[in-house]
């Protein structure tokens, strides 16, 4: 029997809305909102943002033009 595509392990690299308890504790430690010895039950909610990186069109086209001009000279 084959596995459903949503259950495969490679899909965990994408953005998830729900974090595990240990991941939430790690973020709270970085923010200084949780210390060792604090209860790990009833943790506050953590806002997880999906960050998109926009590609710059101008820089890419200039780089491509420079590469093409250097190839034509040789």
PDB file of N, CA and C in Angstrom:
ATOM      1  N   UNK A   1       0.828  -1.169   0.000  1.00  0.00           N
ATOM      2  CA  UNK A   1       0.000   0.000   0.000  1.00  0.00           C
ATOM      3  C   UNK A   1       0.885   1.250   0.000  1.00  0.00           C
ATOM      4  N   UNK A   2       0.535   2.235  -0.774  1.00  0.00           N
ATOM      5  CA  UNK A   2       1.355   3.438  -0.845  1.00  0.00           C
ATOM      6  C   UNK A   2       0.883   4.481   0.175  1.00  0.00           C
ATOM      7  N   UNK A   3       1.801   5.380   0.517  1.00  0.00           N
ATOM      8  CA  UNK A   3       1.492   6.444   1.468  1.00  0.00           C
ATOM      9  C   UNK A   3       0.845   7.616   0.748  1.00  0.00           C
ATOM     10  N   UNK A   4      -0.063   8.280   1.432  1.00  0.00           N
ATOM     11  CA  UNK A   4      -0.661   9.482   0.868  1.00  0.00           C
ATOM     12  C   UNK A   4       0.404  10.574   0.797  1.00  0.00           C
ATOM     13  N   UNK A   5       0.347  11.423  -0.217  1.00  0.00           N
ATOM     14  CA  UNK A   5       1.399  12.415  -0.433  1.00  0.00           C
ATOM     15  C   UNK A   5       1.513  13.403   0.715  1.00  0.00           C
ATOM     16  N   UNK A   6       0.447  13.672   1.453  1.00  0.00           N
ATOM     17  CA  UNK A   6       0.522  14.609   2.570  1.00  0.00           C
ATOM     18  C   UNK A   6       1.217  14.007   3.788  1.00  0.00           C
ATOM     19  N   UNK A   7       1.375  12.696   3.820  1.00  0.00           N
ATOM     20  CA  UNK A   7       1.984  12.032   4.974  1.00  0.00           C
ATOM     21  C   UNK A   7       3.467  11.744   4.791  1.00  0.00           C
ATOM     22  N   UNK A   8       4.017  12.041   3.648  1.00  0.00           N
ATOM     23  CA  UNK A   8       5.431  11.777   3.411  1.00  0.00           C
ATOM     24  C   UNK A   8       6.288  12.723   4.240  1.00  0.00           C
ATOM     25  N   UNK A   9       7.478  12.303   4.616  1.00  0.00           N
ATOM     26  CA  UNK A   9       8.330  13.071   5.519  1.00  0.00           C
ATOM     27  C   UNK A   9       8.925  14.316   4.883  1.00  0.00           C
ATOM     28  N   UNK A  10       9.064  14.375   3.589  1.00  0.00           N
ATOM     29  CA  UNK A  10       9.685  15.531   2.956  1.00  0.00           C
ATOM     30  C   UNK A  10       8.808  16.776   3.030  1.00  0.00           C
ATOM     31  N   UNK A  11       7.539  16.645   3.341  1.00  0.00           N
ATOM     32  CA  UNK A  11       6.637  17.796   3.401  1.00  0.00           C
ATOM     33  C   UNK A  11       6.808  18.602   4.683  1.00  0.00           C
ATOM     34  N   UNK A  12       7.572  18.126   5.655  1.00  0.00           N
ATOM     35  CA  UNK A  12       7.741  18.855   6.901  1.00  0.00           C
ATOM     36  C   UNK A  12       8.622  20.092   6.745  1.00  0.00           C
ATOM     37  N   UNK A  13       9.295  20.243   5.625  1.00  0.00           N
ATOM     38  CA  UNK A  13      10.148  21.392   5.428  1.00  0.00           C
ATOM     39  C   UNK A  13       9.354  22.636   5.062  1.00  0.00           C
ATOM     40  N   UNK A  14       8.073  22.491   4.740  1.00  0.00           N
ATOM     41  CA  UNK A  14       7.274  23.658   4.404  1.00  0.00           C
ATOM     42  C   UNK A  14       6.734  24.324   5.670  1.00  0.00           C
ATOM     43  N   UNK A  15       6.145  25.485   5.507  1.00  0.00           N
ATOM     44  CA  UNK A  15       5.638  26.272   6.627  1.00  0.00           C
ATOM     45  C   UNK A  15       4.474  25.561   7.318  1.00  0.00           C
ATOM     46  N   UNK A  16       4.543  25.507   8.657  1.00  0.00           N
ATOM     47  CA  UNK A  16       3.458  24.909   9.435  1.00  0.00           C
ATOM     48  C   UNK A  16       2.869  25.963  10.349  1.00  0.00           C
ATOM     49  N   UNK A  17       1.579  25.948  10.543  1.00  0.00           N
ATOM     50  CA  UNK A  17       0.913  26.916  11.414  1.00  0.00           C
ATOM     51  C   UNK A  17       0.976  26.510  12.878  1.00  0.00           C
ATOM     52  N   UNK A  18       0.991  25.234  13.155  1.00  0.00           N
ATOM     53  CA  UNK A  18       0.982  24.744  14.537  1.00  0.00           C
ATOM     54  C   UNK A  18       2.376  24.247  14.897  1.00  0.00           C
ATOM     55  N   UNK A  19       2.915  24.780  16.008  1.00  0.00           N
ATOM     56  CA  UNK A  19       4.250  24.384  16.454  1.00  0.00           C
ATOM     57  C   UNK A  19       4.131  23.368  17.579  1.00  0.00           C
ATOM     58  N   UNK A  20       5.135  22.509  17.684  1.00  0.00           N
ATOM     59  CA  UNK A  20       5.183  21.561  18.792  1.00  0.00           C
ATOM     60  C   UNK A  20       5.584  22.306  20.053  1.00  0.00           C
ATOM     61  N   UNK A  21       5.349  21.686  21.198  1.00  0.00           N
ATOM     62  CA  UNK A  21       5.623  22.332  22.478  1.00  0.00           C
ATOM     63  C   UNK A  21       7.088  22.738  22.598  1.00  0.00           C
ATOM     64  N   UNK A  22       7.993  21.873  22.202  1.00  0.00           N
ATOM     65  CA  UNK A  22       9.426  22.174  22.330  1.00  0.00           C
ATOM     66  C   UNK A  22       9.822  23.333  21.419  1.00  0.00           C
ATOM     67  N   UNK A  23       9.188  23.437  20.255  1.00  0.00           N
ATOM     68  CA  UNK A  23       9.466  24.550  19.348  1.00  0.00           C
ATOM     69  C   UNK A  23       8.957  25.865  19.942  1.00  0.00           C
ATOM     70  N   UNK A  24       7.802  25.824  20.590  1.00  0.00           N
ATOM     71  CA  UNK A  24       7.268  27.022  21.232  1.00  0.00           C
ATOM     72  C   UNK A  24       8.148  27.461  22.394  1.00  0.00           C
ATOM     73  N   UNK A  25       8.655  26.503  23.184  1.00  0.00           N
ATOM     74  CA  UNK A  25       9.536  26.831  24.307  1.00  0.00           C
ATOM     75  C   UNK A  25      10.821  27.464  23.787  1.00  0.00           C
ATOM     76  N   UNK A  26      11.352  26.932  22.706  1.00  0.00           N
ATOM     77  CA  UNK A  26      12.587  27.476  22.121  1.00  0.00           C
ATOM     78  C   UNK A  26      12.396  28.940  21.709  1.00  0.00           C
ATOM     79  N   UNK A  27      11.270  29.247  21.064  1.00  0.00           N
ATOM     80  CA  UNK A  27      10.989  30.620  20.637  1.00  0.00           C
ATOM     81  C   UNK A  27      10.786  31.529  21.841  1.00  0.00           C
ATOM     82  N   UNK A  28      10.069  31.034  22.866  1.00  0.00           N
ATOM     83  CA  UNK A  28       9.853  31.828  24.070  1.00  0.00           C
ATOM     84  C   UNK A  28      11.163  32.109  24.804  1.00  0.00           C
ATOM     85  N   UNK A  29      12.100  31.151  24.800  1.00  0.00           N
ATOM     86  CA  UNK A  29      13.412  31.373  25.414  1.00  0.00           C
ATOM     87  C   UNK A  29      14.152  32.485  24.684  1.00  0.00           C
ATOM     88  N   UNK A  30      14.107  32.459  23.354  1.00  0.00           N
ATOM     89  CA  UNK A  30      14.787  33.486  22.558  1.00  0.00           C
ATOM     90  C   UNK A  30      14.201  34.867  22.825  1.00  0.00           C
ATOM     91  N   UNK A  31      12.891  34.938  23.079  1.00  0.00           N
ATOM     92  CA  UNK A  31      12.228  36.202  23.359  1.00  0.00           C
ATOM     93  C   UNK A  31      12.359  36.607  24.825  1.00  0.00           C
ATOM     94  N   UNK A  32      12.872  35.719  25.666  1.00  0.00           N
ATOM     95  CA  UNK A  32      13.037  36.007  27.082  1.00  0.00           C
ATOM     96  C   UNK A  32      11.747  35.888  27.879  1.00  0.00           C
ATOM     97  N   UNK A  33      10.765  35.182  27.367  1.00  0.00           N
ATOM     98  CA  UNK A  33       9.473  35.047  28.036  1.00  0.00           C
ATOM     99  C   UNK A  33       9.326  33.727  28.785  1.00  0.00           C
ATOM    100  N   UNK A  34      10.340  32.860  28.731  1.00  0.00           N
ATOM    101  CA  UNK A  34      10.272  31.573  29.409  1.00  0.00           C
ATOM    102  C   UNK A  34      11.651  31.255  29.972  1.00  0.00           C
ATOM    103  N   UNK A  35      11.704  30.805  31.239  1.00  0.00           N
ATOM    104  CA  UNK A  35      12.967  30.442  31.877  1.00  0.00           C
ATOM    105  C   UNK A  35      12.905  28.987  32.311  1.00  0.00           C
ATOM    106  N   UNK A  36      14.062  28.411  32.565  1.00  0.00           N
ATOM    107  CA  UNK A  36      14.127  27.039  33.071  1.00  0.00           C
ATOM    108  C   UNK A  36      13.367  26.974  34.391  1.00  0.00           C
ATOM    109  N   UNK A  37      12.595  25.941  34.553  1.00  0.00           N
ATOM    110  CA  UNK A  37      11.820  25.761  35.773  1.00  0.00           C
ATOM    111  C   UNK A  37      10.383  26.242  35.645  1.00  0.00           C
ATOM    112  N   UNK A  38      10.093  27.061  34.648  1.00  0.00           N
ATOM    113  CA  UNK A  38       8.712  27.485  34.417  1.00  0.00           C
ATOM    114  C   UNK A  38       7.903  26.298  33.921  1.00  0.00           C
ATOM    115  N   UNK A  39       6.608  26.354  34.131  1.00  0.00           N
ATOM    116  CA  UNK A  39       5.739  25.276  33.684  1.00  0.00           C
ATOM    117  C   UNK A  39       5.680  25.241  32.161  1.00  0.00           C
ATOM    118  N   UNK A  40       5.698  24.059  31.605  1.00  0.00           N
ATOM    119  CA  UNK A  40       5.614  23.929  30.163  1.00  0.00           C
ATOM    120  C   UNK A  40       4.195  23.600  29.716  1.00  0.00           C
ATOM    121  N   UNK A  41       3.256  23.678  30.649  1.00  0.00           N
ATOM    122  CA  UNK A  41       1.840  23.552  30.319  1.00  0.00           C
ATOM    123  C   UNK A  41       1.254  24.947  30.160  1.00  0.00           C
ATOM    124  N   UNK A  42       0.207  25.080  29.393  1.00  0.00           N
ATOM    125  CA  UNK A  42      -0.495  26.348  29.167  1.00  0.00           C
ATOM    126  C   UNK A  42       0.441  27.429  28.664  1.00  0.00           C
ATOM    127  N   UNK A  43       1.246  27.093  27.665  1.00  0.00           N
ATOM    128  CA  UNK A  43       2.149  28.075  27.068  1.00  0.00           C
ATOM    129  C   UNK A  43       1.346  29.073  26.240  1.00  0.00           C
ATOM    130  N   UNK A  44       1.819  30.315  26.156  1.00  0.00           N
ATOM    131  CA  UNK A  44       1.104  31.278  25.321  1.00  0.00           C
ATOM    132  C   UNK A  44       1.240  30.927  23.841  1.00  0.00           C
ATOM    133  N   UNK A  45       0.304  31.422  23.062  1.00  0.00           N
ATOM    134  CA  UNK A  45       0.349  31.167  21.628  1.00  0.00           C
ATOM    135  C   UNK A  45       1.492  31.948  21.009  1.00  0.00           C
ATOM    136  N   UNK A  46       2.088  31.355  19.982  1.00  0.00           N
ATOM    137  CA  UNK A  46       3.197  31.971  19.271  1.00  0.00           C
ATOM    138  C   UNK A  46       2.743  32.260  17.852  1.00  0.00           C
ATOM    139  N   UNK A  47       2.964  33.471  17.413  1.00  0.00           N
ATOM    140  CA  UNK A  47       2.610  33.824  16.049  1.00  0.00           C
ATOM    141  C   UNK A  47       3.732  33.358  15.129  1.00  0.00           C
ATOM    142  N   UNK A  48       3.394  32.492  14.205  1.00  0.00           N
ATOM    143  CA  UNK A  48       4.402  32.009  13.260  1.00  0.00           C
ATOM    144  C   UNK A  48       4.139  32.667  11.910  1.00  0.00           C
ATOM    145  N   UNK A  49       5.122  33.394  11.440  1.00  0.00           N
ATOM    146  CA  UNK A  49       4.976  34.123  10.196  1.00  0.00           C
ATOM    147  C   UNK A  49       5.673  33.396   9.073  1.00  0.00           C
ATOM    148  N   UNK A  50       5.035  33.395   7.937  1.00  0.00           N
ATOM    149  CA  UNK A  50       5.635  32.832   6.744  1.00  0.00           C
ATOM    150  C   UNK A  50       6.317  33.978   6.015  1.00  0.00           C
ATOM    151  N   UNK A  51       7.625  33.873   5.852  1.00  0.00           N
ATOM    152  CA  UNK A  51       8.394  34.949   5.248  1.00  0.00           C
ATOM    153  C   UNK A  51       8.625  34.639   3.783  1.00  0.00           C
ATOM    154  N   UNK A  52       8.233  35.575   2.943  1.00  0.00           N
ATOM    155  CA  UNK A  52       8.476  35.432   1.515  1.00  0.00           C
ATOM    156  C   UNK A  52       9.600  36.365   1.118  1.00  0.00           C
ATOM    157  N   UNK A  53      10.509  35.878   0.314  1.00  0.00           N
ATOM    158  CA  UNK A  53      11.613  36.692  -0.174  1.00  0.00           C
ATOM    159  C   UNK A  53      11.340  37.009  -1.635  1.00  0.00           C
ATOM    160  N   UNK A  54      11.260  38.291  -1.922  1.00  0.00           N
ATOM    161  CA  UNK A  54      11.013  38.699  -3.297  1.00  0.00           C
ATOM    162  C   UNK A  54      12.336  38.777  -4.045  1.00  0.00           C
ATOM    163  N   UNK A  55      12.328  38.323  -5.281  1.00  0.00           N
ATOM    164  CA  UNK A  55      13.517  38.404  -6.116  1.00  0.00           C
ATOM    165  C   UNK A  55      13.543  39.762  -6.792  1.00  0.00           C
ATOM    166  N   UNK A  56      14.728  40.343  -6.843  1.00  0.00           N
ATOM    167  CA  UNK A  56      14.868  41.633  -7.499  1.00  0.00           C
ATOM    168  C   UNK A  56      15.056  41.410  -8.990  1.00  0.00           C
ATOM    169  N   UNK A  57      14.189  42.000  -9.777  1.00  0.00           N
ATOM    170  CA  UNK A  57      14.259  41.819 -11.222  1.00  0.00           C
ATOM    171  C   UNK A  57      15.439  42.588 -11.808  1.00  0.00           C
ATOM    172  N   UNK A  58      15.679  43.806 -11.331  1.00  0.00           N
ATOM    173  CA  UNK A  58      16.736  44.649 -11.881  1.00  0.00           C
ATOM    174  C   UNK A  58      18.119  44.058 -11.682  1.00  0.00           C
ATOM    175  N   UNK A  59      18.398  43.534 -10.498  1.00  0.00           N
ATOM    176  CA  UNK A  59      19.718  42.979 -10.213  1.00  0.00           C
ATOM    177  C   UNK A  59      19.958  41.717 -11.033  1.00  0.00           C
ATOM    178  N   UNK A  60      18.932  40.920 -11.202  1.00  0.00           N
ATOM    179  CA  UNK A  60      19.090  39.674 -11.947  1.00  0.00           C
ATOM    180  C   UNK A  60      19.311  39.950 -13.430  1.00  0.00           C
ATOM    181  N   UNK A  61      18.565  40.901 -13.988  1.00  0.00           N
ATOM    182  CA  UNK A  61      18.708  41.186 -15.418  1.00  0.00           C
ATOM    183  C   UNK A  61      20.055  41.849 -15.707  1.00  0.00           C
ATOM    184  N   UNK A  62      20.551  42.686 -14.777  1.00  0.00           N
ATOM    185  CA  UNK A  62      21.866  43.303 -14.967  1.00  0.00           C
ATOM    186  C   UNK A  62      22.959  42.251 -14.911  1.00  0.00           C
ATOM    187  N   UNK A  63      22.840  41.313 -14.003  1.00  0.00           N
ATOM    188  CA  UNK A  63      23.848  40.265 -13.882  1.00  0.00           C
ATOM    189  C   UNK A  63      23.851  39.404 -15.141  1.00  0.00           C
ATOM    190  N   UNK A  64      22.696  39.090 -15.645  1.00  0.00           N
ATOM    191  CA  UNK A  64      22.594  38.303 -16.870  1.00  0.00           C
ATOM    192  C   UNK A  64      23.185  39.043 -18.051  1.00  0.00           C
ATOM    193  N   UNK A  65      22.990  40.353 -18.113  1.00  0.00           N
ATOM    194  CA  UNK A  65      23.541  41.159 -19.203  1.00  0.00           C
ATOM    195  C   UNK A  65      25.055  41.194 -19.120  1.00  0.00           C
ATOM    196  N   UNK A  66      25.613  41.295 -17.907  1.00  0.00           N
ATOM    197  CA  UNK A  66      27.068  41.297 -17.737  1.00  0.00           C
ATOM    198  C   UNK A  66      27.657  39.961 -18.160  1.00  0.00           C
ATOM    199  N   UNK A  67      27.000  38.876 -17.802  1.00  0.00           N
ATOM    200  CA  UNK A  67      27.481  37.549 -18.180  1.00  0.00           C
ATOM    201  C   UNK A  67      27.480  37.382 -19.691  1.00  0.00           C
ATOM    202  N   UNK A  68      26.429  37.839 -20.343  1.00  0.00           N
ATOM    203  CA  UNK A  68      26.326  37.727 -21.797  1.00  0.00           C
ATOM    204  C   UNK A  68      27.379  38.562 -22.495  1.00  0.00           C
ATOM    205  N   UNK A  69      27.659  39.785 -21.985  1.00  0.00           N
ATOM    206  CA  UNK A  69      28.648  40.635 -22.636  1.00  0.00           C
ATOM    207  C   UNK A  69      30.047  40.077 -22.486  1.00  0.00           C
ATOM    208  N   UNK A  70      30.350  39.445 -21.335  1.00  0.00           N
ATOM    209  CA  UNK A  70      31.679  38.871 -21.143  1.00  0.00           C
ATOM    210  C   UNK A  70      31.871  37.630 -22.018  1.00  0.00           C
ATOM    211  N   UNK A  71      30.786  36.902 -22.270  1.00  0.00           N
ATOM    212  CA  UNK A  71      30.889  35.706 -23.115  1.00  0.00           C
ATOM    213  C   UNK A  71      31.090  36.088 -24.569  1.00  0.00           C
ATOM    214  N   UNK A  72      30.532  37.193 -25.005  1.00  0.00           N
ATOM    215  CA  UNK A  72      30.663  37.625 -26.396  1.00  0.00           C
ATOM    216  C   UNK A  72      32.077  38.079 -26.709  1.00  0.00           C
ATOM    217  N   UNK A  73      32.770  38.648 -25.737  1.00  0.00           N
ATOM    218  CA  UNK A  73      34.128  39.176 -25.944  1.00  0.00           C
ATOM    219  C   UNK A  73      35.144  38.070 -26.137  1.00  0.00           C
ATOM    220  N   UNK A  74      34.951  36.913 -25.515  1.00  0.00           N
ATOM    221  CA  UNK A  74      35.943  35.833 -25.604  1.00  0.00           C
ATOM    222  C   UNK A  74      35.669  34.914 -26.751  1.00  0.00           C
TER     223      UNK A  74
END
